[in-house]
């Protein structure tokens, strides 16, 4: 089985968030983390060195290997707060149009300042993405594949 470099670990996510040097990035990250915890019902967990994830799902790659990944999460990078929207953005154009100032790639949403976006729209984007991931990955096997 192929080993992933970024995996869930036992580091303290709260300590990590409170150790962010930039005061505004710290405040934004904690606010988003609290929102994600509320939406998922899952506690924050560290993934690798700098990603705070919520929930998890298991998926199978084309080579047959199985891996786990978070349902959603965030990473307080220097240039932007990165928010992980695992299904991608193709179904969420209505929300992106009303979100405010942002950039995105395949599954990453980049926010330079939380004050530049509509937090209610961001919350709905995360909620819908988590719901879509749970619908796609939960309950497909006899054993649980996500939380």
Protein backbone atom coordinates (compact mmCIF):
# COMPACT_ATOMS: atom_id res chain seq x y z
CA UNK A 1 0.00 0.00 0.00
CA UNK A 2 1.26 3.47 -0.87
CA UNK A 3 2.01 5.52 2.24
CA UNK A 4 0.76 9.09 2.39
CA UNK A 5 3.06 11.76 3.81
CA UNK A 6 0.28 13.82 5.42
CA UNK A 7 -1.60 11.67 7.91
CA UNK A 8 -3.67 12.22 11.03
CA UNK A 9 -1.55 12.37 14.16
CA UNK A 10 -1.78 13.02 17.91
CA UNK A 11 -0.34 16.55 17.95
CA UNK A 12 -2.52 19.05 19.82
CA UNK A 13 -4.59 21.01 17.27
CA UNK A 14 -5.63 23.63 19.83
CA UNK A 15 -2.04 24.26 20.82
CA UNK A 16 -1.10 24.53 17.14
CA UNK A 17 -3.83 27.10 16.46
CA UNK A 18 -2.91 29.16 19.51
CA UNK A 19 0.77 29.14 18.48
CA UNK A 20 0.13 30.96 15.17
CA UNK A 21 2.37 34.03 15.25
CA UNK A 22 0.28 36.43 13.15
CA UNK A 23 -2.50 37.64 15.50
CA UNK A 24 -5.06 38.17 12.72
CA UNK A 25 -4.32 34.79 11.09
CA UNK A 26 -4.63 33.16 14.54
CA UNK A 27 -8.00 34.83 15.18
CA UNK A 28 -9.30 33.91 11.71
CA UNK A 29 -8.07 30.31 12.02
CA UNK A 30 -9.67 29.79 15.43
CA UNK A 31 -12.99 31.23 14.21
CA UNK A 32 -13.02 28.90 11.17
CA UNK A 33 -11.96 25.92 13.31
CA UNK A 34 -14.83 26.52 15.73
CA UNK A 35 -17.26 26.72 12.81
CA UNK A 36 -15.92 23.47 11.32
CA UNK A 37 -16.12 21.67 14.66
CA UNK A 38 -19.73 22.81 15.06
CA UNK A 39 -20.70 21.72 11.53
CA UNK A 40 -18.99 18.33 11.59
CA UNK A 41 -19.55 17.44 15.24
CA UNK A 42 -15.94 16.27 15.22
CA UNK A 43 -12.99 17.59 17.25
CA UNK A 44 -10.02 19.19 15.51
CA UNK A 45 -7.20 16.78 14.66
CA UNK A 46 -3.78 17.50 13.24
CA UNK A 47 -2.92 16.14 9.81
CA UNK A 48 0.78 16.43 9.14
CA UNK A 49 2.54 19.45 10.59
CA UNK A 50 0.18 22.30 9.69
CA UNK A 51 -3.31 21.10 8.74
CA UNK A 52 -6.19 21.02 11.21
CA UNK A 53 -8.80 18.56 9.98
CA UNK A 54 -12.32 17.61 11.03
CA UNK A 55 -13.86 14.18 10.50
CA UNK A 56 -12.41 11.62 8.13
CA UNK A 57 -13.34 9.39 5.26
CA UNK A 58 -11.70 6.41 3.60
CA UNK A 59 -11.26 6.14 -0.14
CA UNK A 60 -9.64 3.73 -2.55
CA UNK A 61 -7.16 4.82 -5.22
CA UNK A 62 -6.98 3.34 -8.70
CA UNK A 63 -4.01 1.19 -7.59
CA UNK A 64 -6.26 -0.42 -4.95
CA UNK A 65 -4.63 1.23 -1.95
CA UNK A 66 -6.95 2.67 0.71
CA UNK A 67 -6.31 5.95 2.48
CA UNK A 68 -8.01 8.20 5.02
CA UNK A 69 -8.39 11.94 4.69
CA UNK A 70 -10.26 14.69 6.50
CA UNK A 71 -13.79 15.74 5.52
CA UNK A 72 -12.77 19.39 5.80
CA UNK A 73 -9.99 21.37 7.37
CA UNK A 74 -7.81 24.42 7.36
CA UNK A 75 -4.18 25.41 7.28
CA UNK A 76 -2.98 28.84 8.41
CA UNK A 77 -0.35 29.43 5.73
CA UNK A 78 1.73 32.59 5.64
CA UNK A 79 0.15 33.97 2.43
CA UNK A 80 -3.44 32.89 3.11
CA UNK A 81 -5.72 30.84 5.29
CA UNK A 82 -6.29 27.66 3.28
CA UNK A 83 -9.66 25.94 3.66
CA UNK A 84 -10.06 22.39 2.33
CA UNK A 85 -13.28 21.83 0.38
CA UNK A 86 -12.78 18.17 -0.50
CA UNK A 87 -15.43 17.75 -3.24
CA UNK A 88 -13.94 20.68 -5.17
CA UNK A 89 -15.94 23.71 -6.24
CA UNK A 90 -17.91 22.70 -9.34
CA UNK A 91 -21.20 22.37 -7.41
CA UNK A 92 -20.78 25.57 -5.41
CA UNK A 93 -20.67 28.36 -7.98
CA UNK A 94 -23.66 30.08 -6.36
CA UNK A 95 -21.79 30.29 -3.07
CA UNK A 96 -18.46 31.34 -4.58
CA UNK A 97 -20.21 34.19 -6.41
CA UNK A 98 -21.38 35.59 -3.07
CA UNK A 99 -18.39 34.68 -0.91
CA UNK A 100 -16.24 37.77 -1.35
CA UNK A 101 -12.52 38.08 -2.02
CA UNK A 102 -10.93 34.66 -2.44
CA UNK A 103 -8.93 32.40 -4.75
CA UNK A 104 -9.30 28.66 -5.18
CA UNK A 105 -7.67 25.66 -6.79
CA UNK A 106 -9.01 22.11 -7.10
CA UNK A 107 -9.97 21.60 -3.42
CA UNK A 108 -8.35 24.57 -1.68
CA UNK A 109 -9.95 27.91 -0.90
CA UNK A 110 -7.47 30.70 -0.15
CA UNK A 111 -8.53 33.61 2.05
CA UNK A 112 -6.10 36.42 2.83
CA UNK A 113 -8.44 37.87 5.47
CA UNK A 114 -11.63 36.43 6.88
CA UNK A 115 -13.02 39.98 7.04
CA UNK A 116 -12.98 40.06 3.21
CA UNK A 117 -15.56 37.27 2.89
CA UNK A 118 -19.15 36.72 3.93
CA UNK A 119 -18.78 34.33 6.88
CA UNK A 120 -22.34 33.02 6.52
CA UNK A 121 -21.62 32.06 2.90
CA UNK A 122 -18.33 30.43 3.94
CA UNK A 123 -20.18 28.45 6.61
CA UNK A 124 -22.74 27.26 4.06
CA UNK A 125 -19.94 26.27 1.65
CA UNK A 126 -18.25 24.16 4.32
CA UNK A 127 -21.59 22.67 5.43
CA UNK A 128 -22.58 21.64 1.90
CA UNK A 129 -19.14 20.22 1.15
CA UNK A 130 -19.16 18.11 4.33
CA UNK A 131 -22.71 16.93 3.59
CA UNK A 132 -21.68 15.99 0.05
CA UNK A 133 -18.62 14.08 1.29
CA UNK A 134 -20.67 12.18 3.86
CA UNK A 135 -23.28 11.34 1.26
CA UNK A 136 -20.62 10.04 -1.11
CA UNK A 137 -18.42 8.12 1.34
CA UNK A 138 -20.44 7.13 4.40
CA UNK A 139 -22.27 3.85 4.69
CA UNK A 140 -20.98 2.30 1.48
CA UNK A 141 -19.25 -0.62 3.20
CA UNK A 142 -20.21 -2.86 6.08
CA UNK A 143 -17.65 -1.04 8.22
CA UNK A 144 -17.74 2.72 8.79
CA UNK A 145 -15.77 4.68 6.21
CA UNK A 146 -16.13 8.15 7.65
CA UNK A 147 -17.00 10.20 10.69
